[in-house]
Amino acid sequence: MKQLTKQIALLERVDQLIRLRATGRPKQLAQRLEVSEATVFRIIDAMKALDAPIYYDPARQSYVYSEPTEFKYGFYLEE
């Protein structure tokens, strides 16, 4: 369970950095997240598999969303 929580936290952090257009290059993002560059690529691939419209913008040197996107994870009470 701890591993799942860690993975979700990484997804949330990457999502936040993408929204801020502040991921930097993959190597910089890996350093920021304290993971390997290969892990960064796996995270981005996983997000793409979940239909996140992510691409790397070389002009900004950051991953960005190509359209407004929202990532939510958790349990919500029904009203």
C-alpha atoms as a PDB file:
ATOM      1  CA  MET A   1       0.000   0.000   0.000  1.00  0.00           C
ATOM      2  CA  LYS A   2       2.861   2.362   0.786  1.00  0.00           C
ATOM      3  CA  GLN A   3       4.226   1.948  -2.755  1.00  0.00           C
ATOM      4  CA  LEU A   4       0.846   2.855  -4.277  1.00  0.00           C
ATOM      5  CA  THR A   5       0.622   5.972  -2.128  1.00  0.00           C
ATOM      6  CA  LYS A   6       4.128   6.990  -3.210  1.00  0.00           C
ATOM      7  CA  GLN A   7       3.247   6.507  -6.895  1.00  0.00           C
ATOM      8  CA  ILE A   8       0.093   8.606  -6.552  1.00  0.00           C
ATOM      9  CA  ALA A   9       2.058  11.343  -4.780  1.00  0.00           C
ATOM     10  CA  LEU A  10       4.535  11.375  -7.682  1.00  0.00           C
ATOM     11  CA  LEU A  11       1.703  11.659 -10.219  1.00  0.00           C
ATOM     12  CA  GLU A  12       0.205  14.553  -8.268  1.00  0.00           C
ATOM     13  CA  ARG A  13       3.570  16.334  -8.056  1.00  0.00           C
ATOM     14  CA  VAL A  14       4.265  15.889 -11.775  1.00  0.00           C
ATOM     15  CA  ASP A  15       0.760  17.136 -12.562  1.00  0.00           C
ATOM     16  CA  GLN A  16       1.379  20.227 -10.424  1.00  0.00           C
ATOM     17  CA  LEU A  17       4.703  20.948 -12.129  1.00  0.00           C
ATOM     18  CA  ILE A  18       3.163  20.463 -15.581  1.00  0.00           C
ATOM     19  CA  ARG A  19       0.405  22.947 -14.716  1.00  0.00           C
ATOM     20  CA  LEU A  20       3.070  25.441 -13.651  1.00  0.00           C
ATOM     21  CA  ARG A  21       5.051  24.632 -16.811  1.00  0.00           C
ATOM     22  CA  ALA A  22       7.978  24.098 -14.513  1.00  0.00           C
ATOM     23  CA  THR A  23       9.074  20.500 -14.969  1.00  0.00           C
ATOM     24  CA  GLY A  24      12.307  21.397 -16.709  1.00  0.00           C
ATOM     25  CA  ARG A  25      14.052  18.810 -18.818  1.00  0.00           C
ATOM     26  CA  PRO A  26      13.562  15.142 -17.909  1.00  0.00           C
ATOM     27  CA  LYS A  27      16.898  15.030 -16.061  1.00  0.00           C
ATOM     28  CA  GLN A  28      15.982  18.141 -14.043  1.00  0.00           C
ATOM     29  CA  LEU A  29      12.567  16.700 -13.236  1.00  0.00           C
ATOM     30  CA  ALA A  30      14.178  13.472 -12.053  1.00  0.00           C
ATOM     31  CA  GLN A  31      16.461  15.426  -9.734  1.00  0.00           C
ATOM     32  CA  ARG A  32      13.553  17.491  -8.430  1.00  0.00           C
ATOM     33  CA  LEU A  33      11.519  14.346  -7.704  1.00  0.00           C
ATOM     34  CA  GLU A  34      14.543  12.418  -6.408  1.00  0.00           C
ATOM     35  CA  VAL A  35      13.946   9.563  -8.857  1.00  0.00           C
ATOM     36  CA  SER A  36      15.787   8.248 -11.896  1.00  0.00           C
ATOM     37  CA  GLU A  37      15.271   9.683 -15.361  1.00  0.00           C
ATOM     38  CA  ALA A  38      13.845   6.296 -16.393  1.00  0.00           C
ATOM     39  CA  THR A  39      11.233   6.665 -13.644  1.00  0.00           C
ATOM     40  CA  VAL A  40      10.286  10.073 -15.020  1.00  0.00           C
ATOM     41  CA  PHE A  41       9.692   8.527 -18.444  1.00  0.00           C
ATOM     42  CA  ARG A  42       7.590   5.753 -16.862  1.00  0.00           C
ATOM     43  CA  ILE A  43       5.495   8.333 -14.987  1.00  0.00           C
ATOM     44  CA  ILE A  44       4.907  10.369 -18.155  1.00  0.00           C
ATOM     45  CA  ASP A  45       4.031   7.182 -20.076  1.00  0.00           C
ATOM     46  CA  ALA A  46       1.599   6.141 -17.334  1.00  0.00           C
ATOM     47  CA  MET A  47      -0.070   9.549 -17.429  1.00  0.00           C
ATOM     48  CA  LYS A  48      -0.354   9.329 -21.217  1.00  0.00           C
ATOM     49  CA  ALA A  49      -1.890   5.846 -20.857  1.00  0.00           C
ATOM     50  CA  LEU A  50      -4.510   7.472 -18.623  1.00  0.00           C
ATOM     51  CA  ASP A  51      -5.245   9.917 -21.501  1.00  0.00           C
ATOM     52  CA  ALA A  52      -3.339  12.910 -20.163  1.00  0.00           C
ATOM     53  CA  PRO A  53      -2.581  15.191 -23.143  1.00  0.00           C
ATOM     54  CA  ILE A  54       1.102  15.648 -22.274  1.00  0.00           C
ATOM     55  CA  TYR A  55       3.914  16.642 -24.569  1.00  0.00           C
ATOM     56  CA  TYR A  56       7.391  18.040 -24.119  1.00  0.00           C
ATOM     57  CA  ASP A  57       7.735  21.657 -25.280  1.00  0.00           C
ATOM     58  CA  PRO A  58      11.392  22.262 -26.209  1.00  0.00           C
ATOM     59  CA  ALA A  59      10.894  26.047 -26.313  1.00  0.00           C
ATOM     60  CA  ARG A  60       9.732  26.078 -22.676  1.00  0.00           C
ATOM     61  CA  GLN A  61      11.954  23.132 -21.724  1.00  0.00           C
ATOM     62  CA  SER A  62       9.028  21.668 -19.841  1.00  0.00           C
ATOM     63  CA  TYR A  63       6.298  19.094 -20.174  1.00  0.00           C
ATOM     64  CA  VAL A  64       2.960  20.792 -20.776  1.00  0.00           C
ATOM     65  CA  TYR A  65      -0.666  19.841 -21.299  1.00  0.00           C
ATOM     66  CA  SER A  66      -2.002  20.486 -24.786  1.00  0.00           C
ATOM     67  CA  GLU A  67      -5.452  21.271 -23.363  1.00  0.00           C
ATOM     68  CA  PRO A  68      -6.967  22.069 -19.953  1.00  0.00           C
ATOM     69  CA  THR A  69      -6.641  18.962 -17.831  1.00  0.00           C
ATOM     70  CA  GLU A  70      -7.450  17.965 -14.275  1.00  0.00           C
ATOM     71  CA  PHE A  71      -5.996  15.042 -12.341  1.00  0.00           C
ATOM     72  CA  LYS A  72      -7.928  13.864  -9.309  1.00  0.00           C
ATOM     73  CA  TYR A  73      -7.366  10.831  -7.194  1.00  0.00           C
ATOM     74  CA  GLY A  74      -9.167   9.874  -4.049  1.00  0.00           C
ATOM     75  CA  PHE A  75     -12.515   9.038  -2.597  1.00  0.00           C
ATOM     76  CA  TYR A  76     -15.305  11.580  -2.573  1.00  0.00           C
ATOM     77  CA  LEU A  77     -18.547  11.413  -0.659  1.00  0.00           C
ATOM     78  CA  GLU A  78     -21.692  11.325  -2.738  1.00  0.00           C
ATOM     79  CA  GLU A  79     -24.128  14.080  -2.007  1.00  0.00           C
END
